[in-house]
Amino acid sequence: MSSRERPRKRWHWVITIAWREGRFWDMAMLEGDCAPRPNHTRQQMFDLFYNKIVKKSGAKDAFVVYFSLEPDQLVSK
């Protein structure tokens, strides 16, 4: 890390999707943490997580039930 680079802020994310599976509904949830680059937008992060969960679940025509992206640190240093 160069002297000009600062550690990036960490964020915690949660995404839940649902999709029709025949006569029934199915759901999937993923969560984790990330350290986006300063130029990343909330929309870019959402797209990344949405695509990740859809690929992992194999869902088709999934819709988002819940999405959260918040700072991971609970107490200021």
C-alpha atoms as a PDB file:
ATOM      1  CA  MET A   1       0.000   0.000   0.000  1.00  0.00           C
ATOM      2  CA  SER A   2       1.444   3.332  -0.987  1.00  0.00           C
ATOM      3  CA  SER A   3       1.521   6.228   1.454  1.00  0.00           C
ATOM      4  CA  ARG A   4      -1.257   7.924  -0.555  1.00  0.00           C
ATOM      5  CA  GLU A   5      -3.700   4.996  -0.282  1.00  0.00           C
ATOM      6  CA  ARG A   6      -6.033   4.916   2.694  1.00  0.00           C
ATOM      7  CA  PRO A   7      -7.715   1.734   3.879  1.00  0.00           C
ATOM      8  CA  ARG A   8     -11.174   1.504   2.354  1.00  0.00           C
ATOM      9  CA  LYS A   9     -14.256   1.595   4.544  1.00  0.00           C
ATOM     10  CA  ARG A  10     -15.906  -1.808   5.013  1.00  0.00           C
ATOM     11  CA  TRP A  11     -19.615  -2.316   4.383  1.00  0.00           C
ATOM     12  CA  HIS A  12     -21.976  -5.123   5.377  1.00  0.00           C
ATOM     13  CA  TRP A  13     -24.615  -6.210   2.865  1.00  0.00           C
ATOM     14  CA  VAL A  14     -27.666  -8.468   2.862  1.00  0.00           C
ATOM     15  CA  ILE A  15     -29.863  -9.372  -0.101  1.00  0.00           C
ATOM     16  CA  THR A  16     -32.930 -11.604  -0.239  1.00  0.00           C
ATOM     17  CA  ILE A  17     -34.700 -12.604  -3.443  1.00  0.00           C
ATOM     18  CA  ALA A  18     -37.852 -14.588  -4.231  1.00  0.00           C
ATOM     19  CA  TRP A  19     -39.046 -16.304  -7.393  1.00  0.00           C
ATOM     20  CA  ARG A  20     -41.873 -18.511  -8.582  1.00  0.00           C
ATOM     21  CA  GLU A  21     -41.064 -22.217  -8.671  1.00  0.00           C
ATOM     22  CA  GLY A  22     -44.101 -23.909 -10.231  1.00  0.00           C
ATOM     23  CA  ARG A  23     -47.040 -23.379  -7.865  1.00  0.00           C
ATOM     24  CA  PHE A  24     -44.759 -22.351  -5.013  1.00  0.00           C
ATOM     25  CA  TRP A  25     -42.393 -19.525  -4.099  1.00  0.00           C
ATOM     26  CA  ASP A  26     -38.738 -20.025  -3.289  1.00  0.00           C
ATOM     27  CA  MET A  27     -36.350 -17.604  -1.566  1.00  0.00           C
ATOM     28  CA  ALA A  28     -32.621 -17.171  -1.123  1.00  0.00           C
ATOM     29  CA  MET A  29     -30.538 -14.862   1.065  1.00  0.00           C
ATOM     30  CA  LEU A  30     -26.855 -13.957   0.926  1.00  0.00           C
ATOM     31  CA  GLU A  31     -24.812 -11.640   3.105  1.00  0.00           C
ATOM     32  CA  GLY A  32     -21.247 -10.555   3.489  1.00  0.00           C
ATOM     33  CA  ASP A  33     -18.927  -7.614   3.729  1.00  0.00           C
ATOM     34  CA  CYS A  34     -17.073  -5.629   1.096  1.00  0.00           C
ATOM     35  CA  ALA A  35     -14.738  -2.682   0.648  1.00  0.00           C
ATOM     36  CA  PRO A  36     -15.879  -0.864  -2.504  1.00  0.00           C
ATOM     37  CA  ARG A  37     -13.569   1.501  -4.320  1.00  0.00           C
ATOM     38  CA  PRO A  38     -14.339   5.200  -3.789  1.00  0.00           C
ATOM     39  CA  ASN A  39     -15.885   5.576  -7.253  1.00  0.00           C
ATOM     40  CA  HIS A  40     -18.342   2.671  -6.863  1.00  0.00           C
ATOM     41  CA  THR A  41     -22.009   3.553  -6.542  1.00  0.00           C
ATOM     42  CA  ARG A  42     -24.712   1.925  -4.445  1.00  0.00           C
ATOM     43  CA  GLN A  43     -26.373   0.823  -7.710  1.00  0.00           C
ATOM     44  CA  GLN A  44     -23.197  -0.921  -8.891  1.00  0.00           C
ATOM     45  CA  MET A  45     -22.921  -2.771  -5.591  1.00  0.00           C
ATOM     46  CA  PHE A  46     -26.595  -3.782  -5.722  1.00  0.00           C
ATOM     47  CA  ASP A  47     -26.152  -5.119  -9.279  1.00  0.00           C
ATOM     48  CA  LEU A  48     -23.088  -7.095  -8.192  1.00  0.00           C
ATOM     49  CA  PHE A  49     -24.899  -8.708  -5.237  1.00  0.00           C
ATOM     50  CA  TYR A  50     -28.108  -9.320  -7.207  1.00  0.00           C
ATOM     51  CA  ASN A  51     -26.230 -11.070 -10.012  1.00  0.00           C
ATOM     52  CA  LYS A  52     -24.264 -13.098  -7.465  1.00  0.00           C
ATOM     53  CA  ILE A  53     -27.377 -14.390  -5.673  1.00  0.00           C
ATOM     54  CA  VAL A  54     -29.305 -15.076  -8.888  1.00  0.00           C
ATOM     55  CA  LYS A  55     -26.366 -17.085 -10.261  1.00  0.00           C
ATOM     56  CA  LYS A  56     -25.941 -19.024  -7.003  1.00  0.00           C
ATOM     57  CA  SER A  57     -29.660 -19.798  -6.631  1.00  0.00           C
ATOM     58  CA  GLY A  58     -30.386 -20.486 -10.291  1.00  0.00           C
ATOM     59  CA  ALA A  59     -33.496 -18.324  -9.946  1.00  0.00           C
ATOM     60  CA  LYS A  60     -35.273 -16.989 -13.010  1.00  0.00           C
ATOM     61  CA  ASP A  61     -37.331 -13.783 -12.897  1.00  0.00           C
ATOM     62  CA  ALA A  62     -36.322 -13.174  -9.282  1.00  0.00           C
ATOM     63  CA  PHE A  63     -37.375 -10.047  -7.461  1.00  0.00           C
ATOM     64  CA  VAL A  64     -35.735  -8.421  -4.464  1.00  0.00           C
ATOM     65  CA  VAL A  65     -37.481  -8.826  -1.122  1.00  0.00           C
ATOM     66  CA  TYR A  66     -34.803  -7.072   0.921  1.00  0.00           C
ATOM     67  CA  PHE A  67     -31.530  -5.246   0.339  1.00  0.00           C
ATOM     68  CA  SER A  68     -29.247  -3.519   2.840  1.00  0.00           C
ATOM     69  CA  LEU A  69     -25.805  -1.953   2.470  1.00  0.00           C
ATOM     70  CA  GLU A  70     -24.526  -0.283   5.618  1.00  0.00           C
ATOM     71  CA  PRO A  71     -21.186   0.628   7.199  1.00  0.00           C
ATOM     72  CA  ASP A  72     -19.723  -2.440   8.930  1.00  0.00           C
ATOM     73  CA  GLN A  73     -18.143  -0.558  11.830  1.00  0.00           C
ATOM     74  CA  LEU A  74     -20.455  -0.230  14.852  1.00  0.00           C
ATOM     75  CA  VAL A  75     -18.367   2.089  17.035  1.00  0.00           C
ATOM     76  CA  SER A  76     -16.166   4.956  15.873  1.00  0.00           C
ATOM     77  CA  LYS A  77     -12.472   4.561  16.582  1.00  0.00           C
END
